[in-house]
PDB file of N, CA and C in Angstrom:
ATOM      1  N   UNK A   1     120.521  64.616 125.447  1.00  0.00           N
ATOM      2  CA  UNK A   1     121.651  64.358 124.586  1.00  0.00           C
ATOM      3  C   UNK A   1     121.415  63.085 123.777  1.00  0.00           C
ATOM      4  N   UNK A   2     122.168  62.912 122.733  1.00  0.00           N
ATOM      5  CA  UNK A   2     122.042  61.714 121.907  1.00  0.00           C
ATOM      6  C   UNK A   2     122.339  60.453 122.706  1.00  0.00           C
ATOM      7  N   UNK A   3     123.328  60.538 123.582  1.00  0.00           N
ATOM      8  CA  UNK A   3     123.704  59.371 124.377  1.00  0.00           C
ATOM      9  C   UNK A   3     122.546  58.927 125.272  1.00  0.00           C
ATOM     10  N   UNK A   4     121.846  59.901 125.874  1.00  0.00           N
ATOM     11  CA  UNK A   4     120.724  59.566 126.758  1.00  0.00           C
ATOM     12  C   UNK A   4     119.556  58.944 126.009  1.00  0.00           C
ATOM     13  N   UNK A   5     119.441  59.206 124.720  1.00  0.00           N
ATOM     14  CA  UNK A   5     118.337  58.654 123.936  1.00  0.00           C
ATOM     15  C   UNK A   5     118.693  57.315 123.317  1.00  0.00           C
ATOM     16  N   UNK A   6     119.860  56.786 123.663  1.00  0.00           N
ATOM     17  CA  UNK A   6     120.237  55.463 123.182  1.00  0.00           C
ATOM     18  C   UNK A   6     121.102  55.452 121.941  1.00  0.00           C
ATOM     19  N   UNK A   7     121.445  56.618 121.417  1.00  0.00           N
ATOM     20  CA  UNK A   7     122.320  56.662 120.245  1.00  0.00           C
ATOM     21  C   UNK A   7     123.715  56.189 120.621  1.00  0.00           C
ATOM     22  N   UNK A   8     124.367  55.537 119.695  1.00  0.00           N
ATOM     23  CA  UNK A   8     125.709  55.021 119.931  1.00  0.00           C
ATOM     24  C   UNK A   8     126.715  56.119 119.584  1.00  0.00           C
ATOM     25  N   UNK A   9     126.947  57.009 120.549  1.00  0.00           N
ATOM     26  CA  UNK A   9     127.878  58.108 120.337  1.00  0.00           C
ATOM     27  C   UNK A   9     128.912  58.102 121.451  1.00  0.00           C
ATOM     28  N   UNK A  10     129.995  58.776 121.218  1.00  0.00           N
ATOM     29  CA  UNK A  10     131.034  58.891 122.225  1.00  0.00           C
ATOM     30  C   UNK A  10     132.005  59.980 121.828  1.00  0.00           C
ATOM     31  N   UNK A  11     133.056  60.109 122.592  1.00  0.00           N
ATOM     32  CA  UNK A  11     134.076  61.094 122.274  1.00  0.00           C
ATOM     33  C   UNK A  11     135.422  60.584 122.775  1.00  0.00           C
ATOM     34  N   UNK A  12     136.462  61.175 122.226  1.00  0.00           N
ATOM     35  CA  UNK A  12     137.824  60.827 122.630  1.00  0.00           C
ATOM     36  C   UNK A  12     138.595  62.113 122.809  1.00  0.00           C
ATOM     37  N   UNK A  13     139.502  62.097 123.740  1.00  0.00           N
ATOM     38  CA  UNK A  13     140.384  63.236 123.928  1.00  0.00           C
ATOM     39  C   UNK A  13     141.646  63.018 123.099  1.00  0.00           C
ATOM     40  N   UNK A  14     142.266  64.094 122.609  1.00  0.00           N
ATOM     41  CA  UNK A  14     143.515  63.951 121.863  1.00  0.00           C
ATOM     42  C   UNK A  14     144.585  63.277 122.731  1.00  0.00           C
ATOM     43  N   UNK A  15     145.417  62.459 122.118  1.00  0.00           N
ATOM     44  CA  UNK A  15     146.482  61.773 122.855  1.00  0.00           C
ATOM     45  C   UNK A  15     147.420  62.780 123.526  1.00  0.00           C
ATOM     46  N   UNK A  16     147.576  63.950 122.914  1.00  0.00           N
ATOM     47  CA  UNK A  16     148.458  64.975 123.464  1.00  0.00           C
ATOM     48  C   UNK A  16     147.899  65.578 124.736  1.00  0.00           C
ATOM     49  N   UNK A  17     146.578  65.449 124.934  1.00  0.00           N
ATOM     50  CA  UNK A  17     145.914  66.016 126.099  1.00  0.00           C
ATOM     51  C   UNK A  17     144.927  67.098 125.709  1.00  0.00           C
ATOM     52  N   UNK A  18     144.194  67.580 126.685  1.00  0.00           N
ATOM     53  CA  UNK A  18     143.226  68.650 126.467  1.00  0.00           C
ATOM     54  C   UNK A  18     143.186  69.524 127.704  1.00  0.00           C
ATOM     55  N   UNK A  19     142.717  70.746 127.546  1.00  0.00           N
ATOM     56  CA  UNK A  19     142.684  71.664 128.687  1.00  0.00           C
ATOM     57  C   UNK A  19     141.389  71.488 129.478  1.00  0.00           C
ATOM     58  N   UNK A  20     141.407  71.963 130.683  1.00  0.00           N
ATOM     59  CA  UNK A  20     140.227  71.989 131.537  1.00  0.00           C
ATOM     60  C   UNK A  20     140.184  73.377 132.163  1.00  0.00           C
ATOM     61  N   UNK A  21     139.543  74.305 131.472  1.00  0.00           N
ATOM     62  CA  UNK A  21     139.502  75.698 131.908  1.00  0.00           C
ATOM     63  C   UNK A  21     138.253  75.904 132.770  1.00  0.00           C
ATOM     64  N   UNK A  22     138.424  76.343 134.014  1.00  0.00           N
ATOM     65  CA  UNK A  22     137.267  76.526 134.886  1.00  0.00           C
ATOM     66  C   UNK A  22     136.460  77.762 134.522  1.00  0.00           C
ATOM     67  N   UNK A  23     135.189  77.725 134.859  1.00  0.00           N
ATOM     68  CA  UNK A  23     134.342  78.905 134.734  1.00  0.00           C
ATOM     69  C   UNK A  23     134.561  79.761 135.973  1.00  0.00           C
ATOM     70  N   UNK A  24     134.219  81.009 135.886  1.00  0.00           N
ATOM     71  CA  UNK A  24     134.392  81.882 137.043  1.00  0.00           C
ATOM     72  C   UNK A  24     133.301  82.934 137.109  1.00  0.00           C
ATOM     73  N   UNK A  25     133.163  83.516 138.273  1.00  0.00           N
ATOM     74  CA  UNK A  25     132.249  84.624 138.492  1.00  0.00           C
ATOM     75  C   UNK A  25     132.927  85.534 139.495  1.00  0.00           C
ATOM     76  N   UNK A  26     132.806  86.836 139.307  1.00  0.00           N
ATOM     77  CA  UNK A  26     133.499  87.770 140.192  1.00  0.00           C
ATOM     78  C   UNK A  26     132.729  89.088 140.264  1.00  0.00           C
ATOM     79  N   UNK A  27     132.980  89.810 141.317  1.00  0.00           N
ATOM     80  CA  UNK A  27     132.424  91.151 141.501  1.00  0.00           C
ATOM     81  C   UNK A  27     133.594  92.121 141.478  1.00  0.00           C
ATOM     82  N   UNK A  28     133.557  93.041 140.535  1.00  0.00           N
ATOM     83  CA  UNK A  28     134.651  94.001 140.403  1.00  0.00           C
ATOM     84  C   UNK A  28     134.582  95.045 141.510  1.00  0.00           C
ATOM     85  N   UNK A  29     135.730  95.420 141.979  1.00  0.00           N
ATOM     86  CA  UNK A  29     135.809  96.479 142.978  1.00  0.00           C
ATOM     87  C   UNK A  29     135.249  97.766 142.383  1.00  0.00           C
ATOM     88  N   UNK A  30     134.381  98.430 143.111  1.00  0.00           N
ATOM     89  CA  UNK A  30     133.792  99.681 142.627  1.00  0.00           C
ATOM     90  C   UNK A  30     132.703  99.491 141.592  1.00  0.00           C
ATOM     91  N   UNK A  31     132.152  98.287 141.494  1.00  0.00           N
ATOM     92  CA  UNK A  31     131.095  98.015 140.506  1.00  0.00           C
ATOM     93  C   UNK A  31     129.930  98.984 140.700  1.00  0.00           C
ATOM     94  N   UNK A  32     129.422  99.505 139.599  1.00  0.00           N
ATOM     95  CA  UNK A  32     128.338 100.491 139.630  1.00  0.00           C
ATOM     96  C   UNK A  32     127.062  99.904 140.234  1.00  0.00           C
ATOM     97  N   UNK A  33     126.730  98.686 139.903  1.00  0.00           N
ATOM     98  CA  UNK A  33     125.503  98.039 140.369  1.00  0.00           C
ATOM     99  C   UNK A  33     125.835  96.879 141.305  1.00  0.00           C
ATOM    100  N   UNK A  34     126.525  97.177 142.377  1.00  0.00           N
ATOM    101  CA  UNK A  34     127.021  96.173 143.310  1.00  0.00           C
ATOM    102  C   UNK A  34     125.909  95.285 143.856  1.00  0.00           C
ATOM    103  N   UNK A  35     124.817  95.871 144.298  1.00  0.00           N
ATOM    104  CA  UNK A  35     123.726  95.089 144.894  1.00  0.00           C
ATOM    105  C   UNK A  35     123.143  94.120 143.878  1.00  0.00           C
ATOM    106  N   UNK A  36     122.934  94.566 142.658  1.00  0.00           N
ATOM    107  CA  UNK A  36     122.386  93.716 141.614  1.00  0.00           C
ATOM    108  C   UNK A  36     123.382  92.620 141.234  1.00  0.00           C
ATOM    109  N   UNK A  37     124.657  92.969 141.197  1.00  0.00           N
ATOM    110  CA  UNK A  37     125.686  91.979 140.871  1.00  0.00           C
ATOM    111  C   UNK A  37     125.725  90.886 141.936  1.00  0.00           C
ATOM    112  N   UNK A  38     125.647  91.275 143.209  1.00  0.00           N
ATOM    113  CA  UNK A  38     125.633  90.285 144.284  1.00  0.00           C
ATOM    114  C   UNK A  38     124.389  89.403 144.202  1.00  0.00           C
ATOM    115  N   UNK A  39     123.264  90.001 143.861  1.00  0.00           N
ATOM    116  CA  UNK A  39     122.024  89.230 143.709  1.00  0.00           C
ATOM    117  C   UNK A  39     122.159  88.211 142.578  1.00  0.00           C
ATOM    118  N   UNK A  40     122.764  88.637 141.465  1.00  0.00           N
ATOM    119  CA  UNK A  40     122.978  87.734 140.336  1.00  0.00           C
ATOM    120  C   UNK A  40     123.913  86.597 140.728  1.00  0.00           C
ATOM    121  N   UNK A  41     124.978  86.919 141.451  1.00  0.00           N
ATOM    122  CA  UNK A  41     125.923  85.889 141.879  1.00  0.00           C
ATOM    123  C   UNK A  41     125.242  84.884 142.810  1.00  0.00           C
ATOM    124  N   UNK A  42     124.416  85.373 143.707  1.00  0.00           N
ATOM    125  CA  UNK A  42     123.678  84.469 144.594  1.00  0.00           C
ATOM    126  C   UNK A  42     122.752  83.564 143.784  1.00  0.00           C
ATOM    127  N   UNK A  43     122.139  84.115 142.735  1.00  0.00           N
ATOM    128  CA  UNK A  43     121.268  83.320 141.856  1.00  0.00           C
ATOM    129  C   UNK A  43     122.065  82.229 141.145  1.00  0.00           C
ATOM    130  N   UNK A  44     123.170  82.613 140.506  1.00  0.00           N
ATOM    131  CA  UNK A  44     123.987  81.668 139.742  1.00  0.00           C
ATOM    132  C   UNK A  44     124.561  80.573 140.639  1.00  0.00           C
ATOM    133  N   UNK A  45     124.942  80.938 141.837  1.00  0.00           N
ATOM    134  CA  UNK A  45     125.547  79.976 142.760  1.00  0.00           C
ATOM    135  C   UNK A  45     124.512  79.256 143.617  1.00  0.00           C
ATOM    136  N   UNK A  46     123.256  79.616 143.455  1.00  0.00           N
ATOM    137  CA  UNK A  46     122.190  79.001 144.241  1.00  0.00           C
ATOM    138  C   UNK A  46     121.852  77.597 143.771  1.00  0.00           C
ATOM    139  N   UNK A  47     121.110  76.870 144.587  1.00  0.00           N
ATOM    140  CA  UNK A  47     120.823  75.461 144.278  1.00  0.00           C
ATOM    141  C   UNK A  47     120.014  75.255 142.997  1.00  0.00           C
ATOM    142  N   UNK A  48     119.102  76.163 142.669  1.00  0.00           N
ATOM    143  CA  UNK A  48     118.271  75.969 141.467  1.00  0.00           C
ATOM    144  C   UNK A  48     119.101  75.970 140.186  1.00  0.00           C
ATOM    145  N   UNK A  49     120.073  76.857 140.100  1.00  0.00           N
ATOM    146  CA  UNK A  49     120.932  76.918 138.907  1.00  0.00           C
ATOM    147  C   UNK A  49     121.989  75.820 138.965  1.00  0.00           C
ATOM    148  N   UNK A  50     122.617  75.644 140.097  1.00  0.00           N
ATOM    149  CA  UNK A  50     123.697  74.668 140.227  1.00  0.00           C
ATOM    150  C   UNK A  50     123.238  73.241 139.925  1.00  0.00           C
ATOM    151  N   UNK A  51     122.001  72.921 140.260  1.00  0.00           N
ATOM    152  CA  UNK A  51     121.539  71.543 140.041  1.00  0.00           C
ATOM    153  C   UNK A  51     121.288  71.218 138.575  1.00  0.00           C
ATOM    154  N   UNK A  52     121.181  72.241 137.717  1.00  0.00           N
ATOM    155  CA  UNK A  52     120.964  71.964 136.288  1.00  0.00           C
ATOM    156  C   UNK A  52     122.230  72.109 135.451  1.00  0.00           C
ATOM    157  N   UNK A  53     123.321  72.568 136.049  1.00  0.00           N
ATOM    158  CA  UNK A  53     124.548  72.766 135.283  1.00  0.00           C
ATOM    159  C   UNK A  53     125.051  71.479 134.640  1.00  0.00           C
ATOM    160  N   UNK A  54     125.123  70.419 135.410  1.00  0.00           N
ATOM    161  CA  UNK A  54     125.665  69.159 134.892  1.00  0.00           C
ATOM    162  C   UNK A  54     124.735  68.511 133.867  1.00  0.00           C
ATOM    163  N   UNK A  55     123.463  68.280 134.188  1.00  0.00           N
ATOM    164  CA  UNK A  55     122.620  67.593 133.205  1.00  0.00           C
ATOM    165  C   UNK A  55     122.311  68.414 131.953  1.00  0.00           C
ATOM    166  N   UNK A  56     122.218  69.718 132.076  1.00  0.00           N
ATOM    167  CA  UNK A  56     121.829  70.535 130.928  1.00  0.00           C
ATOM    168  C   UNK A  56     123.007  71.029 130.101  1.00  0.00           C
ATOM    169  N   UNK A  57     124.085  71.452 130.772  1.00  0.00           N
ATOM    170  CA  UNK A  57     125.200  72.066 130.052  1.00  0.00           C
ATOM    171  C   UNK A  57     126.530  71.364 130.269  1.00  0.00           C
ATOM    172  N   UNK A  58     126.529  70.240 130.952  1.00  0.00           N
ATOM    173  CA  UNK A  58     127.748  69.482 131.223  1.00  0.00           C
ATOM    174  C   UNK A  58     128.824  70.354 131.879  1.00  0.00           C
ATOM    175  N   UNK A  59     128.394  71.246 132.744  1.00  0.00           N
ATOM    176  CA  UNK A  59     129.296  72.092 133.524  1.00  0.00           C
ATOM    177  C   UNK A  59     129.298  71.575 134.959  1.00  0.00           C
ATOM    178  N   UNK A  60     130.406  71.603 135.603  1.00  0.00           N
ATOM    179  CA  UNK A  60     130.519  71.103 136.976  1.00  0.00           C
ATOM    180  C   UNK A  60     130.031  72.146 137.972  1.00  0.00           C
ATOM    181  N   UNK A  61     129.080  71.762 138.828  1.00  0.00           N
ATOM    182  CA  UNK A  61     128.604  72.699 139.846  1.00  0.00           C
ATOM    183  C   UNK A  61     129.647  72.871 140.956  1.00  0.00           C
ATOM    184  N   UNK A  62     129.559  73.998 141.667  1.00  0.00           N
ATOM    185  CA  UNK A  62     130.484  74.248 142.767  1.00  0.00           C
ATOM    186  C   UNK A  62     129.876  73.897 144.124  1.00  0.00           C
ATOM    187  N   UNK A  63     128.589  73.681 144.153  1.00  0.00           N
ATOM    188  CA  UNK A  63     127.917  73.376 145.416  1.00  0.00           C
ATOM    189  C   UNK A  63     128.120  71.915 145.796  1.00  0.00           C
ATOM    190  N   UNK A  64     128.344  71.669 147.062  1.00  0.00           N
ATOM    191  CA  UNK A  64     128.531  70.298 147.543  1.00  0.00           C
ATOM    192  C   UNK A  64     127.234  69.504 147.525  1.00  0.00           C
ATOM    193  N   UNK A  65     126.088  70.209 147.551  1.00  0.00           N
ATOM    194  CA  UNK A  65     124.803  69.508 147.563  1.00  0.00           C
ATOM    195  C   UNK A  65     124.234  69.307 146.156  1.00  0.00           C
ATOM    196  N   UNK A  66     125.000  69.640 145.116  1.00  0.00           N
ATOM    197  CA  UNK A  66     124.555  69.441 143.730  1.00  0.00           C
ATOM    198  C   UNK A  66     124.967  68.048 143.256  1.00  0.00           C
ATOM    199  N   UNK A  67     124.372  67.623 142.137  1.00  0.00           N
ATOM    200  CA  UNK A  67     124.688  66.308 141.567  1.00  0.00           C
ATOM    201  C   UNK A  67     126.184  66.184 141.323  1.00  0.00           C
ATOM    202  N   UNK A  68     126.726  65.063 141.693  1.00  0.00           N
ATOM    203  CA  UNK A  68     128.157  64.837 141.527  1.00  0.00           C
ATOM    204  C   UNK A  68     128.452  64.254 140.143  1.00  0.00           C
ATOM    205  N   UNK A  69     129.543  64.702 139.571  1.00  0.00           N
ATOM    206  CA  UNK A  69     129.996  64.184 138.289  1.00  0.00           C
ATOM    207  C   UNK A  69     131.116  63.183 138.530  1.00  0.00           C
ATOM    208  N   UNK A  70     131.404  62.415 137.521  1.00  0.00           N
ATOM    209  CA  UNK A  70     132.516  61.473 137.603  1.00  0.00           C
ATOM    210  C   UNK A  70     133.836  62.212 137.526  1.00  0.00           C
ATOM    211  N   UNK A  71     134.912  61.495 137.250  1.00  0.00           N
ATOM    212  CA  UNK A  71     136.226  62.143 137.140  1.00  0.00           C
ATOM    213  C   UNK A  71     136.186  63.239 136.083  1.00  0.00           C
ATOM    214  N   UNK A  72     136.975  64.280 136.302  1.00  0.00           N
ATOM    215  CA  UNK A  72     136.984  65.415 135.382  1.00  0.00           C
ATOM    216  C   UNK A  72     137.286  64.974 133.955  1.00  0.00           C
ATOM    217  N   UNK A  73     138.363  64.294 133.771  1.00  0.00           N
ATOM    218  CA  UNK A  73     138.744  63.806 132.446  1.00  0.00           C
ATOM    219  C   UNK A  73     139.391  62.439 132.595  1.00  0.00           C
ATOM    220  N   UNK A  74     139.223  61.622 131.578  1.00  0.00           N
ATOM    221  CA  UNK A  74     139.917  60.335 131.571  1.00  0.00           C
ATOM    222  C   UNK A  74     141.261  60.462 130.870  1.00  0.00           C
ATOM    223  N   UNK A  75     141.469  61.582 130.195  1.00  0.00           N
ATOM    224  CA  UNK A  75     142.711  61.788 129.463  1.00  0.00           C
ATOM    225  C   UNK A  75     143.657  62.702 130.218  1.00  0.00           C
ATOM    226  N   UNK A  76     144.689  63.089 129.529  1.00  0.00           N
ATOM    227  CA  UNK A  76     145.726  63.942 130.095  1.00  0.00           C
ATOM    228  C   UNK A  76     145.259  65.405 130.043  1.00  0.00           C
ATOM    229  N   UNK A  77     145.432  66.123 131.146  1.00  0.00           N
ATOM    230  CA  UNK A  77     145.091  67.547 131.182  1.00  0.00           C
ATOM    231  C   UNK A  77     146.364  68.348 130.951  1.00  0.00           C
ATOM    232  N   UNK A  78     146.290  69.277 130.003  1.00  0.00           N
ATOM    233  CA  UNK A  78     147.443  70.137 129.715  1.00  0.00           C
ATOM    234  C   UNK A  78     147.077  71.590 130.030  1.00  0.00           C
ATOM    235  N   UNK A  79     148.072  72.388 130.260  1.00  0.00           N
ATOM    236  CA  UNK A  79     147.880  73.806 130.573  1.00  0.00           C
ATOM    237  C   UNK A  79     147.359  74.550 129.345  1.00  0.00           C
ATOM    238  N   UNK A  80     146.349  75.379 129.537  1.00  0.00           N
ATOM    239  CA  UNK A  80     145.834  76.217 128.461  1.00  0.00           C
ATOM    240  C   UNK A  80     146.483  77.586 128.601  1.00  0.00           C
ATOM    241  N   UNK A  81     147.247  78.015 127.621  1.00  0.00           N
ATOM    242  CA  UNK A  81     147.964  79.293 127.719  1.00  0.00           C
ATOM    243  C   UNK A  81     147.018  80.480 127.458  1.00  0.00           C
ATOM    244  N   UNK A  82     146.285  80.891 128.479  1.00  0.00           N
ATOM    245  CA  UNK A  82     145.263  81.928 128.333  1.00  0.00           C
ATOM    246  C   UNK A  82     145.846  83.220 127.774  1.00  0.00           C
ATOM    247  N   UNK A  83     146.956  83.698 128.337  1.00  0.00           N
ATOM    248  CA  UNK A  83     147.549  84.958 127.863  1.00  0.00           C
ATOM    249  C   UNK A  83     147.993  84.868 126.410  1.00  0.00           C
ATOM    250  N   UNK A  84     148.613  83.756 126.068  1.00  0.00           N
ATOM    251  CA  UNK A  84     149.077  83.548 124.687  1.00  0.00           C
ATOM    252  C   UNK A  84     147.887  83.472 123.725  1.00  0.00           C
ATOM    253  N   UNK A  85     146.859  82.765 124.117  1.00  0.00           N
ATOM    254  CA  UNK A  85     145.667  82.646 123.270  1.00  0.00           C
ATOM    255  C   UNK A  85     145.000  84.012 123.071  1.00  0.00           C
ATOM    256  N   UNK A  86     144.918  84.797 124.146  1.00  0.00           N
ATOM    257  CA  UNK A  86     144.304  86.123 124.044  1.00  0.00           C
ATOM    258  C   UNK A  86     145.119  87.024 123.119  1.00  0.00           C
ATOM    259  N   UNK A  87     146.438  86.967 123.240  1.00  0.00           N
ATOM    260  CA  UNK A  87     147.306  87.796 122.399  1.00  0.00           C
ATOM    261  C   UNK A  87     147.258  87.359 120.936  1.00  0.00           C
ATOM    262  N   UNK A  88     146.971  86.093 120.690  1.00  0.00           N
ATOM    263  CA  UNK A  88     146.951  85.543 119.328  1.00  0.00           C
ATOM    264  C   UNK A  88     145.534  85.363 118.787  1.00  0.00           C
ATOM    265  N   UNK A  89     144.557  85.938 119.449  1.00  0.00           N
ATOM    266  CA  UNK A  89     143.148  85.705 119.112  1.00  0.00           C
ATOM    267  C   UNK A  89     142.843  85.881 117.627  1.00  0.00           C
ATOM    268  N   UNK A  90     143.210  87.015 117.061  1.00  0.00           N
ATOM    269  CA  UNK A  90     142.878  87.286 115.662  1.00  0.00           C
ATOM    270  C   UNK A  90     143.511  86.264 114.718  1.00  0.00           C
ATOM    271  N   UNK A  91     144.767  85.917 114.957  1.00  0.00           N
ATOM    272  CA  UNK A  91     145.458  84.939 114.104  1.00  0.00           C
ATOM    273  C   UNK A  91     144.812  83.557 114.253  1.00  0.00           C
ATOM    274  N   UNK A  92     144.446  83.195 115.474  1.00  0.00           N
ATOM    275  CA  UNK A  92     143.799  81.900 115.711  1.00  0.00           C
ATOM    276  C   UNK A  92     142.459  81.832 114.991  1.00  0.00           C
ATOM    277  N   UNK A  93     141.657  82.889 115.085  1.00  0.00           N
ATOM    278  CA  UNK A  93     140.350  82.900 114.418  1.00  0.00           C
ATOM    279  C   UNK A  93     140.496  82.865 112.894  1.00  0.00           C
ATOM    280  N   UNK A  94     141.476  83.561 112.380  1.00  0.00           N
ATOM    281  CA  UNK A  94     141.709  83.545 110.931  1.00  0.00           C
ATOM    282  C   UNK A  94     142.116  82.149 110.469  1.00  0.00           C
ATOM    283  N   UNK A  95     142.981  81.510 111.218  1.00  0.00           N
ATOM    284  CA  UNK A  95     143.399  80.140 110.880  1.00  0.00           C
ATOM    285  C   UNK A  95     142.209  79.192 110.941  1.00  0.00           C
ATOM    286  N   UNK A  96     141.353  79.358 111.953  1.00  0.00           N
ATOM    287  CA  UNK A  96     140.153  78.525 112.092  1.00  0.00           C
ATOM    288  C   UNK A  96     139.239  78.702 110.881  1.00  0.00           C
ATOM    289  N   UNK A  97     139.043  79.932 110.427  1.00  0.00           N
ATOM    290  CA  UNK A  97     138.204  80.181 109.245  1.00  0.00           C
ATOM    291  C   UNK A  97     138.766  79.472 108.021  1.00  0.00           C
ATOM    292  N   UNK A  98     140.075  79.519 107.859  1.00  0.00           N
ATOM    293  CA  UNK A  98     140.719  78.857 106.715  1.00  0.00           C
ATOM    294  C   UNK A  98     140.516  77.347 106.792  1.00  0.00           C
ATOM    295  N   UNK A  99     140.736  76.773 107.972  1.00  0.00           N
ATOM    296  CA  UNK A  99     140.563  75.327 108.136  1.00  0.00           C
ATOM    297  C   UNK A  99     139.113  74.911 107.906  1.00  0.00           C
ATOM    298  N   UNK A 100     138.170  75.664 108.429  1.00  0.00           N
ATOM    299  CA  UNK A 100     136.750  75.344 108.251  1.00  0.00           C
ATOM    300  C   UNK A 100     136.348  75.469 106.785  1.00  0.00           C
ATOM    301  N   UNK A 101     136.824  76.483 106.116  1.00  0.00           N
ATOM    302  CA  UNK A 101     136.484  76.685 104.705  1.00  0.00           C
ATOM    303  C   UNK A 101     136.989  75.519 103.862  1.00  0.00           C
ATOM    304  N   UNK A 102     138.126  74.970 104.214  1.00  0.00           N
ATOM    305  CA  UNK A 102     138.699  73.836 103.475  1.00  0.00           C
ATOM    306  C   UNK A 102     137.860  72.577 103.652  1.00  0.00           C
ATOM    307  N   UNK A 103     137.140  72.472 104.769  1.00  0.00           N
ATOM    308  CA  UNK A 103     136.319  71.286 105.049  1.00  0.00           C
ATOM    309  C   UNK A 103     134.933  71.366 104.431  1.00  0.00           C
ATOM    310  N   UNK A 104     134.452  72.567 104.158  1.00  0.00           N
ATOM    311  CA  UNK A 104     133.080  72.738 103.665  1.00  0.00           C
ATOM    312  C   UNK A 104     132.979  72.378 102.187  1.00  0.00           C
ATOM    313  N   UNK A 105     131.841  71.815 101.782  1.00  0.00           N
ATOM    314  CA  UNK A 105     131.674  71.435 100.363  1.00  0.00           C
ATOM    315  C   UNK A 105     131.584  72.642  99.456  1.00  0.00           C
TER     316      UNK A 105
END
């Protein structure tokens, strides 16, 4: 990252707060490829993958033996309305395109 190379960079959270949406992994009941899905889950949750989550992708590992991160956020955490966002997906993306287009030269 730029910060690790000595660049003077940083970030700030909005005063209103920001969400902290966890990642997840699951096996669906009746999955067609159950054995392969379980193998993949064991891989993702295994030490080799978990130990690179934080340094490479800034994702928090779930394993207790993985590198520990500092506090989740220094700012205020607010609820992310997943159902509302999913129902409004098309309108949100359209608004984002309009806002981005206004910023581009």
